[in-house]
Structures are given as C-alpha cells and as structure tokens.
C-alpha cells in the first residue's frame, strides 16, 4: 500500500514556501500537470508525487 501526503492547493503552497506558489499550482491543475484529484469542488494535491516531479525538474531537492 502506497502512503502519500495530500493537501489543498493553498495548504500545499503554504507547506512549500518559495518552492511553488498557489498561482503556479492552480495553473498546473488547469494544464493537467499537477498530481491529485477533485473532492467536490476542491482539488487535492498529491504532495508526495508533486515533490517527485519538482525533484526531477530541479535536480536534488530534499523537501524539508
């Protein structure tokens, strides 16, 4: 069983200040680039998968 962290777009942007903004996350959701799912009208970001994507794009990032 895979365990991953999730959060709303706003929570994710606050968790990773300086790394990704709320605006960027919203744009990525619209483009289909942000990992996650809709729960009602809110998009829930798969933060674990997002960090993997950012790590591949930017090189070494430890997420802490």
Foldseek 3Di string as FASTA:
>chain_A
DDDFDKDFLCVLCVLDPPQDHSVRQVVCVVVVNFDFDDDDNTTMGRNVVVVVVSCVVPPDDDSD
